[in-house]
C-alpha atoms as a PDB file:
ATOM      1  CA  MET A   1      28.733  -4.636 -20.039  1.00  0.00           C
ATOM      2  CA  SER A   2      30.510  -2.237 -22.389  1.00  0.00           C
ATOM      3  CA  ALA A   3      34.246  -2.288 -23.041  1.00  0.00           C
ATOM      4  CA  ILE A   4      34.368   1.354 -21.905  1.00  0.00           C
ATOM      5  CA  ILE A   5      32.991   0.440 -18.482  1.00  0.00           C
ATOM      6  CA  GLN A   6      35.301  -2.578 -18.107  1.00  0.00           C
ATOM      7  CA  HIS A   7      38.321  -0.454 -18.993  1.00  0.00           C
ATOM      8  CA  SER A   8      37.238   2.365 -16.661  1.00  0.00           C
ATOM      9  CA  VAL A   9      36.794  -0.085 -13.777  1.00  0.00           C
ATOM     10  CA  LYS A  10      40.405  -1.191 -14.256  1.00  0.00           C
ATOM     11  CA  LEU A  11      41.535   2.440 -14.303  1.00  0.00           C
ATOM     12  CA  CYS A  12      39.685   3.145 -11.032  1.00  0.00           C
ATOM     13  CA  ILE A  13      41.364   0.201  -9.335  1.00  0.00           C
ATOM     14  CA  GLN A  14      44.721   1.247 -10.757  1.00  0.00           C
ATOM     15  CA  ALA A  15      44.122   4.753  -9.382  1.00  0.00           C
ATOM     16  CA  ILE A  16      43.170   3.428  -5.922  1.00  0.00           C
ATOM     17  CA  ASN A  17      46.315   1.306  -5.876  1.00  0.00           C
ATOM     18  CA  ASN A  18      48.621   4.034  -7.222  1.00  0.00           C
ATOM     19  CA  SER A  19      47.231   7.404  -6.045  1.00  0.00           C
ATOM     20  CA  GLY A  20      45.317   8.009  -9.288  1.00  0.00           C
ATOM     21  CA  ASP A  21      47.791  10.312 -10.996  1.00  0.00           C
ATOM     22  CA  GLY A  22      46.620  11.339 -14.480  1.00  0.00           C
ATOM     23  CA  LEU A  23      43.769   8.829 -14.805  1.00  0.00           C
ATOM     24  CA  ASP A  24      40.812  10.953 -13.745  1.00  0.00           C
ATOM     25  CA  ALA A  25      40.236  12.745 -17.079  1.00  0.00           C
ATOM     26  CA  GLU A  26      39.754   9.470 -18.948  1.00  0.00           C
ATOM     27  CA  VAL A  27      37.439   8.012 -16.280  1.00  0.00           C
ATOM     28  CA  LEU A  28      35.342  11.181 -16.115  1.00  0.00           C
ATOM     29  CA  ASP A  29      34.992  11.173 -19.903  1.00  0.00           C
ATOM     30  CA  ALA A  30      33.833   7.555 -19.714  1.00  0.00           C
ATOM     31  CA  ILE A  31      31.286   8.383 -17.000  1.00  0.00           C
ATOM     32  CA  ARG A  32      29.909  11.224 -19.131  1.00  0.00           C
ATOM     33  CA  SER A  33      29.595   8.863 -22.084  1.00  0.00           C
ATOM     34  CA  ILE A  34      27.716   6.172 -20.158  1.00  0.00           C
ATOM     35  CA  ALA A  35      25.216   8.780 -19.009  1.00  0.00           C
ATOM     36  CA  GLU A  36      23.704   8.432 -22.490  1.00  0.00           C
ATOM     37  CA  LEU A  37      23.383   4.633 -22.234  1.00  0.00           C
ATOM     38  CA  PRO A  38      20.341   2.694 -20.937  1.00  0.00           C
ATOM     39  CA  TYR A  39      20.648   2.040 -17.200  1.00  0.00           C
ATOM     40  CA  LYS A  40      21.377  -1.613 -16.345  1.00  0.00           C
ATOM     41  CA  GLY A  41      21.994  -1.339 -12.623  1.00  0.00           C
ATOM     42  CA  THR A  42      20.187  -2.575  -9.543  1.00  0.00           C
ATOM     43  CA  GLY A  43      18.363   0.623  -8.647  1.00  0.00           C
ATOM     44  CA  LEU A  44      19.383   0.015  -5.021  1.00  0.00           C
ATOM     45  CA  GLY A  45      21.642   3.026  -4.595  1.00  0.00           C
ATOM     46  CA  ILE A  46      25.399   3.391  -4.434  1.00  0.00           C
ATOM     47  CA  GLY A  47      27.695   2.933  -1.462  1.00  0.00           C
ATOM     48  CA  ARG A  48      27.951   1.371   1.961  1.00  0.00           C
ATOM     49  CA  GLY A  49      24.717   2.722   3.367  1.00  0.00           C
ATOM     50  CA  GLY A  50      24.533   5.579   5.851  1.00  0.00           C
ATOM     51  CA  TYR A  51      21.860   6.550   8.358  1.00  0.00           C
ATOM     52  CA  ARG A  52      19.200   3.837   8.361  1.00  0.00           C
ATOM     53  CA  GLY A  53      20.744   2.330   5.259  1.00  0.00           C
ATOM     54  CA  TYR A  54      20.433   5.441   3.101  1.00  0.00           C
ATOM     55  CA  LYS A  55      22.407   5.295  -0.153  1.00  0.00           C
ATOM     56  CA  PRO A  56      22.582   8.006  -2.819  1.00  0.00           C
ATOM     57  CA  SER A  57      20.885   7.038  -6.057  1.00  0.00           C
ATOM     58  CA  TYR A  58      22.741   6.172  -9.237  1.00  0.00           C
ATOM     59  CA  GLU A  59      21.276   9.288 -10.867  1.00  0.00           C
ATOM     60  CA  ASP A  60      22.440  11.610  -8.072  1.00  0.00           C
ATOM     61  CA  LEU A  61      25.969  10.205  -8.018  1.00  0.00           C
ATOM     62  CA  LEU A  62      26.178  10.222 -11.815  1.00  0.00           C
ATOM     63  CA  LYS A  63      25.224  13.903 -11.871  1.00  0.00           C
ATOM     64  CA  ARG A  64      27.900  14.733  -9.313  1.00  0.00           C
ATOM     65  CA  PHE A  65      30.592  13.022 -11.394  1.00  0.00           C
ATOM     66  CA  ILE A  66      29.426  14.567 -14.661  1.00  0.00           C
ATOM     67  CA  GLU A  67      29.930  17.984 -13.070  1.00  0.00           C
ATOM     68  CA  ARG A  68      33.388  17.150 -11.665  1.00  0.00           C
ATOM     69  CA  LYS A  69      36.658  18.232 -13.237  1.00  0.00           C
ATOM     70  CA  THR A  70      38.925  15.963 -11.193  1.00  0.00           C
ATOM     71  CA  ILE A  71      38.938  12.876  -8.984  1.00  0.00           C
ATOM     72  CA  ASN A  72      41.505  13.451  -6.292  1.00  0.00           C
ATOM     73  CA  SER A  73      40.893  11.204  -3.295  1.00  0.00           C
ATOM     74  CA  SER A  74      40.714   7.467  -2.720  1.00  0.00           C
ATOM     75  CA  LEU A  75      37.100   7.752  -1.491  1.00  0.00           C
ATOM     76  CA  ASP A  76      36.130   9.599  -4.686  1.00  0.00           C
ATOM     77  CA  TRP A  77      37.778   6.851  -6.735  1.00  0.00           C
ATOM     78  CA  GLU A  78      35.828   4.327  -4.673  1.00  0.00           C
ATOM     79  CA  SER A  79      32.558   6.119  -5.512  1.00  0.00           C
ATOM     80  CA  ALA A  80      33.471   6.259  -9.211  1.00  0.00           C
ATOM     81  CA  LEU A  81      34.222   2.534  -9.154  1.00  0.00           C
ATOM     82  CA  LEU A  82      30.894   1.705  -7.489  1.00  0.00           C
ATOM     83  CA  LEU A  83      29.093   3.892 -10.009  1.00  0.00           C
ATOM     84  CA  LEU A  84      30.723   2.005 -12.870  1.00  0.00           C
ATOM     85  CA  TYR A  85      29.947  -1.395 -11.325  1.00  0.00           C
ATOM     86  CA  ASP A  86      26.290  -0.411 -11.153  1.00  0.00           C
ATOM     87  CA  ALA A  87      26.186   1.149 -14.615  1.00  0.00           C
ATOM     88  CA  GLY A  88      27.745  -1.975 -16.080  1.00  0.00           C
ATOM     89  CA  GLY A  89      25.270  -4.314 -14.434  1.00  0.00           C
ATOM     90  CA  PHE A  90      27.999  -6.199 -12.539  1.00  0.00           C
ATOM     91  CA  SER A  91      26.596  -8.993 -10.384  1.00  0.00           C
ATOM     92  CA  GLU A  92      27.577  -9.131  -6.721  1.00  0.00           C
ATOM     93  CA  SER A  93      29.968 -11.997  -7.447  1.00  0.00           C
ATOM     94  CA  GLU A  94      31.532 -10.087 -10.335  1.00  0.00           C
ATOM     95  CA  ILE A  95      32.032  -7.021  -8.127  1.00  0.00           C
ATOM     96  CA  LEU A  96      33.739  -9.116  -5.469  1.00  0.00           C
ATOM     97  CA  SER A  97      35.979 -10.809  -8.015  1.00  0.00           C
ATOM     98  CA  SER A  98      36.985  -7.471  -9.535  1.00  0.00           C
ATOM     99  CA  ALA A  99      37.504  -5.723  -6.182  1.00  0.00           C
ATOM    100  CA  LYS A 100      39.883  -8.400  -4.904  1.00  0.00           C
ATOM    101  CA  SER A 101      42.670  -6.673  -6.822  1.00  0.00           C
ATOM    102  CA  ILE A 102      42.244  -3.546  -4.664  1.00  0.00           C
ATOM    103  CA  GLU A 103      45.230  -3.322  -2.326  1.00  0.00           C
ATOM    104  CA  ASP A 104      43.704  -0.908   0.202  1.00  0.00           C
ATOM    105  CA  ASP A 105      41.919  -3.086   2.756  1.00  0.00           C
ATOM    106  CA  ILE A 106      39.594  -0.309   3.939  1.00  0.00           C
ATOM    107  CA  ILE A 107      38.452   0.556   0.411  1.00  0.00           C
ATOM    108  CA  PHE A 108      37.942  -3.135  -0.341  1.00  0.00           C
ATOM    109  CA  ASN A 109      35.797  -3.487   2.791  1.00  0.00           C
ATOM    110  CA  HIS A 110      33.719  -0.489   1.709  1.00  0.00           C
ATOM    111  CA  ILE A 111      33.054  -2.188  -1.648  1.00  0.00           C
ATOM    112  CA  LEU A 112      32.076  -5.354   0.181  1.00  0.00           C
ATOM    113  CA  GLU A 113      29.631  -3.423   2.376  1.00  0.00           C
ATOM    114  CA  HIS A 114      27.994  -2.080  -0.799  1.00  0.00           C
ATOM    115  CA  VAL A 115      27.635  -5.620  -2.127  1.00  0.00           C
ATOM    116  CA  ILE A 116      26.223  -7.038   1.113  1.00  0.00           C
ATOM    117  CA  SER A 117      23.753  -4.166   1.490  1.00  0.00           C
ATOM    118  CA  ASN A 118      22.502  -4.858  -2.056  1.00  0.00           C
ATOM    119  CA  LEU A 119      22.059  -8.543  -1.284  1.00  0.00           C
ATOM    120  CA  ALA A 120      20.191  -7.697   1.915  1.00  0.00           C
ATOM    121  CA  ALA A 121      17.924  -5.321  -0.021  1.00  0.00           C
ATOM    122  CA  LYS A 122      17.166  -8.191  -2.398  1.00  0.00           C
ATOM    123  CA  ASN A 123      16.460 -10.322   0.693  1.00  0.00           C
ATOM    124  CA  ASP A 124      19.136 -12.787  -0.401  1.00  0.00           C
ATOM    125  CA  ILE A 125      20.371 -13.216   3.147  1.00  0.00           C
ATOM    126  CA  GLU A 126      22.013 -16.572   2.538  1.00  0.00           C
ATOM    127  CA  MET A 127      24.313 -15.105  -0.105  1.00  0.00           C
ATOM    128  CA  ALA A 128      24.874 -11.951   1.976  1.00  0.00           C
ATOM    129  CA  CYS A 129      26.095 -14.114   4.849  1.00  0.00           C
ATOM    130  CA  SER A 130      28.351 -16.076   2.496  1.00  0.00           C
ATOM    131  CA  PHE A 131      30.078 -12.820   1.497  1.00  0.00           C
ATOM    132  CA  ILE A 132      30.795 -11.657   5.069  1.00  0.00           C
ATOM    133  CA  PRO A 133      33.935 -13.835   5.568  1.00  0.00           C
ATOM    134  CA  ASN A 134      35.559 -11.843   2.732  1.00  0.00           C
ATOM    135  CA  PHE A 135      36.065  -8.814   4.987  1.00  0.00           C
ATOM    136  CA  ARG A 136      39.728  -8.053   5.363  1.00  0.00           C
ATOM    137  CA  THR A 137      41.385  -7.547   8.718  1.00  0.00           C
ATOM    138  CA  THR A 138      42.478  -3.973   9.368  1.00  0.00           C
ATOM    139  CA  THR A 139      44.515  -2.318  12.093  1.00  0.00           C
ATOM    140  CA  ILE A 140      43.835   1.254  13.120  1.00  0.00           C
ATOM    141  CA  PHE A 141      43.853   1.400  16.904  1.00  0.00           C
ATOM    142  CA  LYS A 142      43.780  -2.361  17.132  1.00  0.00           C
ATOM    143  CA  GLU A 143      43.378  -5.329  14.836  1.00  0.00           C
ATOM    144  CA  GLU A 144      39.764  -5.863  13.678  1.00  0.00           C
ATOM    145  CA  ASN A 145      38.376  -8.673  11.525  1.00  0.00           C
ATOM    146  CA  ASN A 146      35.451  -6.387  10.519  1.00  0.00           C
ATOM    147  CA  LEU A 147      32.927  -9.219  10.236  1.00  0.00           C
ATOM    148  CA  ASP A 148      30.595  -7.203  12.454  1.00  0.00           C
ATOM    149  CA  SER A 149      30.253  -4.650   9.637  1.00  0.00           C
ATOM    150  CA  GLY A 150      28.412  -7.235   7.560  1.00  0.00           C
ATOM    151  CA  TYR A 151      26.087  -8.188  10.392  1.00  0.00           C
ATOM    152  CA  LEU A 152      25.303  -4.532  11.127  1.00  0.00           C
ATOM    153  CA  ILE A 153      24.018  -4.329   7.562  1.00  0.00           C
ATOM    154  CA  LEU A 154      21.725  -7.296   8.206  1.00  0.00           C
ATOM    155  CA  LEU A 155      20.456  -5.685  11.415  1.00  0.00           C
ATOM    156  CA  CYS A 156      19.656  -2.505   9.493  1.00  0.00           C
ATOM    157  CA  HIS A 157      17.768  -4.541   6.895  1.00  0.00           C
ATOM    158  CA  TYR A 158      15.652  -6.308   9.501  1.00  0.00           C
ATOM    159  CA  ALA A 159      15.139  -3.097  11.466  1.00  0.00           C
ATOM    160  CA  SER A 160      13.676  -1.483   8.342  1.00  0.00           C
ATOM    161  CA  LEU A 161      11.229  -4.383   8.066  1.00  0.00           C
ATOM    162  CA  GLY A 162      10.311  -4.313  11.752  1.00  0.00           C
ATOM    163  CA  ASP A 163      11.407  -7.956  11.908  1.00  0.00           C
ATOM    164  CA  ALA A 164      12.457  -8.400  15.525  1.00  0.00           C
ATOM    165  CA  THR A 165      12.931 -12.171  15.297  1.00  0.00           C
ATOM    166  CA  HIS A 166      15.589 -12.071  12.587  1.00  0.00           C
ATOM    167  CA  PHE A 167      17.088  -8.872  14.017  1.00  0.00           C
ATOM    168  CA  PHE A 168      17.930 -10.583  17.284  1.00  0.00           C
ATOM    169  CA  ASN A 169      19.075 -13.750  15.505  1.00  0.00           C
ATOM    170  CA  TYR A 170      22.066 -11.741  14.200  1.00  0.00           C
ATOM    171  CA  PHE A 171      22.318  -9.334  17.131  1.00  0.00           C
ATOM    172  CA  LYS A 172      25.356 -10.808  18.925  1.00  0.00           C
ATOM    173  CA  LEU A 173      27.250 -11.299  15.657  1.00  0.00           C
ATOM    174  CA  ALA A 174      27.147  -7.507  15.183  1.00  0.00           C
ATOM    175  CA  GLU A 175      29.191  -7.113  18.387  1.00  0.00           C
ATOM    176  CA  PRO A 176      26.891  -4.740  20.315  1.00  0.00           C
ATOM    177  CA  ALA A 177      29.509  -4.037  22.995  1.00  0.00           C
ATOM    178  CA  LYS A 178      31.857  -2.714  20.323  1.00  0.00           C
ATOM    179  CA  ASN A 179      29.268  -0.891  18.188  1.00  0.00           C
ATOM    180  CA  LYS A 180      27.243   0.783  20.935  1.00  0.00           C
ATOM    181  CA  SER A 181      26.078   3.884  19.065  1.00  0.00           C
ATOM    182  CA  GLU A 182      25.263   1.983  15.862  1.00  0.00           C
ATOM    183  CA  ILE A 183      23.345  -0.675  17.786  1.00  0.00           C
ATOM    184  CA  ALA A 184      21.383   1.919  19.784  1.00  0.00           C
ATOM    185  CA  GLU A 185      20.267   3.605  16.554  1.00  0.00           C
ATOM    186  CA  LEU A 186      19.350   0.282  14.939  1.00  0.00           C
ATOM    187  CA  LYS A 187      17.284  -0.708  17.967  1.00  0.00           C
ATOM    188  CA  SER A 188      15.449   2.631  17.715  1.00  0.00           C
ATOM    189  CA  TYR A 189      14.850   1.958  14.012  1.00  0.00           C
ATOM    190  CA  LEU A 190      13.575  -1.547  14.762  1.00  0.00           C
ATOM    191  CA  VAL A 191      11.073  -0.386  17.385  1.00  0.00           C
ATOM    192  CA  GLU A 192       9.810   2.430  15.177  1.00  0.00           C
ATOM    193  CA  SER A 193       9.331   0.128  12.178  1.00  0.00           C
ATOM    194  CA  PHE A 194       7.775  -2.581  14.333  1.00  0.00           C
ATOM    195  CA  ALA A 195       5.276  -0.117  15.850  1.00  0.00           C
ATOM    196  CA  ALA A 196       4.263   1.179  12.435  1.00  0.00           C
ATOM    197  CA  LYS A 197       3.640  -2.386  11.304  1.00  0.00           C
ATOM    198  CA  ASN A 198       2.111  -3.963  14.412  1.00  0.00           C
ATOM    199  CA  GLY A 199       0.627  -1.179  16.548  1.00  0.00           C
ATOM    200  CA  ILE A 200       1.439   0.256  19.947  1.00  0.00           C
ATOM    201  CA  ALA A 201       0.374  -2.694  22.123  1.00  0.00           C
ATOM    202  CA  ASP A 202       2.725  -5.155  20.432  1.00  0.00           C
ATOM    203  CA  ALA A 203       5.470  -2.522  20.227  1.00  0.00           C
ATOM    204  CA  LEU A 204       5.360  -2.028  23.995  1.00  0.00           C
ATOM    205  CA  LYS A 205       5.635  -5.788  24.428  1.00  0.00           C
ATOM    206  CA  LEU A 206       8.659  -5.760  22.148  1.00  0.00           C
ATOM    207  CA  CYS A 207      10.261  -3.058  24.299  1.00  0.00           C
ATOM    208  CA  ALA A 208      10.149  -5.503  27.199  1.00  0.00           C
ATOM    209  CA  HIS A 209      12.829  -7.546  25.376  1.00  0.00           C
ATOM    210  CA  LYS A 210      16.004  -7.876  27.460  1.00  0.00           C
ATOM    211  CA  ASN A 211      18.012  -5.997  24.829  1.00  0.00           C
ATOM    212  CA  LEU A 212      15.586  -3.073  24.560  1.00  0.00           C
ATOM    213  CA  GLY A 213      13.682  -1.501  27.465  1.00  0.00           C
ATOM    214  CA  ALA A 214      11.336   1.369  28.316  1.00  0.00           C
ATOM    215  CA  LYS A 215      13.708   3.978  26.878  1.00  0.00           C
ATOM    216  CA  TYR A 216      12.593   2.815  23.410  1.00  0.00           C
ATOM    217  CA  HIS A 217       8.923   3.634  24.070  1.00  0.00           C
ATOM    218  CA  SER A 218       9.462   7.029  22.482  1.00  0.00           C
ATOM    219  CA  ASN A 219      10.583   5.351  19.254  1.00  0.00           C
ATOM    220  CA  ALA A 220       7.351   3.350  19.174  1.00  0.00           C
ATOM    221  CA  LEU A 221       5.393   6.580  19.581  1.00  0.00           C
ATOM    222  CA  LEU A 222       7.496   8.309  16.922  1.00  0.00           C
ATOM    223  CA  ALA A 223       6.115   5.886  14.343  1.00  0.00           C
ATOM    224  CA  PHE A 224       2.708   7.528  14.799  1.00  0.00           C
ATOM    225  CA  ALA A 225       4.012  11.101  15.074  1.00  0.00           C
ATOM    226  CA  LYS A 226       6.080  10.987  11.872  1.00  0.00           C
ATOM    227  CA  THR A 227       3.125   9.709   9.833  1.00  0.00           C
ATOM    228  CA  GLY A 228       0.683  12.335  11.098  1.00  0.00           C
ATOM    229  CA  LYS A 229      -1.487   9.963  13.124  1.00  0.00           C
ATOM    230  CA  TYR A 230      -2.372  12.728  15.545  1.00  0.00           C
ATOM    231  CA  ALA A 231      -5.746  11.393  16.671  1.00  0.00           C
ATOM    232  CA  GLU A 232      -4.291   7.926  17.194  1.00  0.00           C
ATOM    233  CA  LEU A 233      -1.364   9.326  19.164  1.00  0.00           C
ATOM    234  CA  LYS A 234      -3.711  11.269  21.452  1.00  0.00           C
ATOM    235  CA  SER A 235      -5.681   8.076  21.992  1.00  0.00           C
ATOM    236  CA  ILE A 236      -2.482   6.179  22.846  1.00  0.00           C
ATOM    237  CA  PHE A 237      -1.549   8.731  25.505  1.00  0.00           C
ATOM    238  CA  ASP A 238      -5.058   8.429  26.965  1.00  0.00           C
ATOM    239  CA  GLN A 239      -4.848   4.643  26.972  1.00  0.00           C
ATOM    240  CA  TYR A 240      -1.257   4.506  28.263  1.00  0.00           C
ATOM    241  CA  PRO A 241      -0.810   7.542  30.547  1.00  0.00           C
ATOM    242  CA  GLU A 242       2.506   6.113  31.751  1.00  0.00           C
ATOM    243  CA  LEU A 243       3.930   7.031  28.334  1.00  0.00           C
ATOM    244  CA  LYS A 244       3.454  10.732  29.001  1.00  0.00           C
ATOM    245  CA  HIS A 245       6.759  12.427  29.783  1.00  0.00           C
ATOM    246  CA  ASN A 246       7.575  16.139  29.708  1.00  0.00           C
ATOM    247  CA  GLU A 247      10.634  15.351  27.603  1.00  0.00           C
ATOM    248  CA  THR A 248       8.686  13.642  24.806  1.00  0.00           C
ATOM    249  CA  GLU A 249       4.882  13.902  24.903  1.00  0.00           C
ATOM    250  CA  LEU A 250       4.329  17.447  23.653  1.00  0.00           C
ATOM    251  CA  GLY A 251       7.144  17.137  21.112  1.00  0.00           C
ATOM    252  CA  LEU A 252       5.557  14.012  19.656  1.00  0.00           C
ATOM    253  CA  LEU A 253       2.078  15.567  19.604  1.00  0.00           C
ATOM    254  CA  SER A 254       3.307  18.713  17.850  1.00  0.00           C
ATOM    255  CA  THR A 255       5.180  16.635  15.258  1.00  0.00           C
ATOM    256  CA  ALA A 256       2.071  14.535  14.631  1.00  0.00           C
ATOM    257  CA  TYR A 257      -0.090  17.680  14.421  1.00  0.00           C
ATOM    258  CA  TYR A 258       2.255  19.249  11.858  1.00  0.00           C
ATOM    259  CA  GLN A 259       2.484  16.070   9.765  1.00  0.00           C
ATOM    260  CA  ALA A 260      -1.297  15.671   9.848  1.00  0.00           C
ATOM    261  CA  LYS A 261      -1.803  19.258   8.655  1.00  0.00           C
ATOM    262  CA  LYS A 262       0.918  18.869   6.034  1.00  0.00           C
ATOM    263  CA  ASN A 263      -0.807  15.771   4.639  1.00  0.00           C
ATOM    264  CA  LYS A 264      -4.231  17.434   4.894  1.00  0.00           C
ATOM    265  CA  PHE A 265      -5.585  14.872   7.353  1.00  0.00           C
ATOM    266  CA  VAL A 266      -8.733  15.889   9.206  1.00  0.00           C
ATOM    267  CA  VAL A 267      -7.791  16.432  12.861  1.00  0.00           C
ATOM    268  CA  ASP A 268      -9.093  18.316  15.869  1.00  0.00           C
ATOM    269  CA  ASP A 269      -8.111  21.984  15.922  1.00  0.00           C
ATOM    270  CA  ASP A 270      -5.891  21.749  18.999  1.00  0.00           C
ATOM    271  CA  PHE A 271      -3.605  24.634  18.118  1.00  0.00           C
ATOM    272  CA  GLU A 272      -4.474  26.834  21.112  1.00  0.00           C
ATOM    273  CA  SER A 273      -4.083  24.070  23.682  1.00  0.00           C
ATOM    274  CA  LEU A 274      -0.785  22.903  22.164  1.00  0.00           C
ATOM    275  CA  PHE A 275       0.482  26.476  21.969  1.00  0.00           C
ATOM    276  CA  GLU A 276      -0.363  27.183  25.613  1.00  0.00           C
ATOM    277  CA  ARG A 277       1.296  23.958  26.713  1.00  0.00           C
ATOM    278  CA  ALA A 278       4.392  24.938  24.730  1.00  0.00           C
ATOM    279  CA  LEU A 279       4.625  28.244  26.578  1.00  0.00           C
ATOM    280  CA  GLN A 280       4.583  26.361  29.888  1.00  0.00           C
ATOM    281  CA  LEU A 281       7.458  24.059  28.943  1.00  0.00           C
ATOM    282  CA  ASP A 282      10.595  24.271  31.044  1.00  0.00           C
ATOM    283  CA  ARG A 283      13.280  25.920  28.887  1.00  0.00           C
ATOM    284  CA  LYS A 284      15.816  23.499  30.312  1.00  0.00           C
ATOM    285  CA  ILE A 285      14.253  20.581  28.422  1.00  0.00           C
ATOM    286  CA  LYS A 286      16.177  19.940  25.213  1.00  0.00           C
ATOM    287  CA  TYR A 287      15.092  18.312  21.973  1.00  0.00           C
ATOM    288  CA  GLY A 288      18.297  17.242  20.268  1.00  0.00           C
ATOM    289  CA  ASP A 289      20.453  20.362  20.013  1.00  0.00           C
ATOM    290  CA  ILE A 290      17.651  22.889  20.621  1.00  0.00           C
ATOM    291  CA  LYS A 291      15.145  23.697  23.334  1.00  0.00           C
ATOM    292  CA  MET A 292      12.011  21.560  23.324  1.00  0.00           C
ATOM    293  CA  GLN A 293       9.861  24.688  23.563  1.00  0.00           C
ATOM    294  CA  ASP A 294      11.323  26.136  20.362  1.00  0.00           C
ATOM    295  CA  ALA A 295      10.987  22.782  18.577  1.00  0.00           C
ATOM    296  CA  VAL A 296       7.292  22.518  19.480  1.00  0.00           C
ATOM    297  CA  LEU A 297       6.581  26.118  18.462  1.00  0.00           C
ATOM    298  CA  PHE A 298       8.421  25.556  15.184  1.00  0.00           C
ATOM    299  CA  ASP A 299       6.209  22.542  14.366  1.00  0.00           C
ATOM    300  CA  LEU A 300       3.078  24.465  15.298  1.00  0.00           C
ATOM    301  CA  CYS A 301       4.186  27.366  13.121  1.00  0.00           C
ATOM    302  CA  LEU A 302       4.625  25.081  10.126  1.00  0.00           C
ATOM    303  CA  ALA A 303       1.332  23.330  10.845  1.00  0.00           C
ATOM    304  CA  GLU A 304      -0.519  26.655  10.766  1.00  0.00           C
ATOM    305  CA  PHE A 305       1.661  28.391   8.197  1.00  0.00           C
ATOM    306  CA  ASP A 306      -1.297  29.434   6.038  1.00  0.00           C
ATOM    307  CA  ASN A 307      -2.898  31.106   9.044  1.00  0.00           C
ATOM    308  CA  LYS A 308      -1.002  34.393   9.331  1.00  0.00           C
ATOM    309  CA  GLU A 309      -2.202  35.187  12.859  1.00  0.00           C
ATOM    310  CA  ARG A 310      -1.173  31.791  14.255  1.00  0.00           C
ATOM    311  CA  ARG A 311       2.058  31.740  12.279  1.00  0.00           C
ATOM    312  CA  GLU A 312       3.155  35.093  13.684  1.00  0.00           C
ATOM    313  CA  LYS A 313       2.061  34.082  17.162  1.00  0.00           C
ATOM    314  CA  CYS A 314       4.433  31.109  17.063  1.00  0.00           C
ATOM    315  CA  ARG A 315       7.243  33.072  15.430  1.00  0.00           C
ATOM    316  CA  LYS A 316       7.165  35.714  18.164  1.00  0.00           C
ATOM    317  CA  ALA A 317       7.180  33.051  20.891  1.00  0.00           C
ATOM    318  CA  ILE A 318      10.274  31.293  19.488  1.00  0.00           C
ATOM    319  CA  LYS A 319      13.381  32.531  21.300  1.00  0.00           C
ATOM    320  CA  ASN A 320      16.029  30.905  19.087  1.00  0.00           C
ATOM    321  CA  ASN A 321      16.926  33.431  16.364  1.00  0.00           C
ATOM    322  CA  SER A 322      18.376  30.831  13.998  1.00  0.00           C
ATOM    323  CA  ILE A 323      15.064  28.926  14.047  1.00  0.00           C
ATOM    324  CA  LYS A 324      13.199  32.158  13.358  1.00  0.00           C
ATOM    325  CA  LYS A 325      15.454  32.743  10.349  1.00  0.00           C
ATOM    326  CA  GLU A 326      14.819  29.185   9.151  1.00  0.00           C
ATOM    327  CA  LEU A 327      11.108  29.960   8.979  1.00  0.00           C
ATOM    328  CA  ASN A 328      11.916  32.537   6.309  1.00  0.00           C
ATOM    329  CA  ASP A 329      12.797  29.654   3.959  1.00  0.00           C
ATOM    330  CA  TYR A 330       9.194  28.393   4.022  1.00  0.00           C
END
């Protein structure tokens, strides 16, 4: 790794420990200079991992820092530090060793989450587990050892693979009673990934697990809707009529229909029947923050966007003005 990167890493840690006064210009200059160097990083993204493990790419974060004039918060210094670790090709052990001089326990734990998520992505679970005891105890509302943060990362990794066996091996260590919302999302992710990999029959069997249940059936079906498997989804509803619910069935079918059309899959022309069913939907049924009826009509509009008559038919039927305006962006 270059001397510039090593020096800039030390400046970032100094800034985190001492409010960063006057150090940002030098670090930003260094980041702009390394933009010209060959990339030596992991290619696994930067940061702790957000929704379903998403991490911004090195290139995206680098661009954001190149365009910056200042670094003025501890979280921005954290991001700059992680960017430099990746640019310099620091190993996970080298990152941990360097980060130990960070005095802020929360920032240190964020760095550790980045490291563990990288190890999980490399499928080096043994080393990932060996890093988890390094989490520092913090006190916000109450004292927390934060070890569950590491195990949540492992659950996300196994959920992405649809690996139910290993997912539930670490399940209790992630403290599900404490992390209810995170665990619920990871279970949804697991079922969706598992269904995409193994099919609906095995996915429904998985949902019978004591820690899942019938409420995750919709996530199994979503695996087919999101990938445009419209014909297969229709067949599933015929084969398993108990899966049909007013709150989900038509929404899933319209999503699958749109994705199929978007990907130019050959499917039955069911527009009229789907449209008529949409008009009959109870306006009280919600789909996230909007009405299910408007969500279905929006998908149908996008699916038939090249057909002016059908597009306008859907647009006129949509009652939510903000959704109508959104269609203008397409």
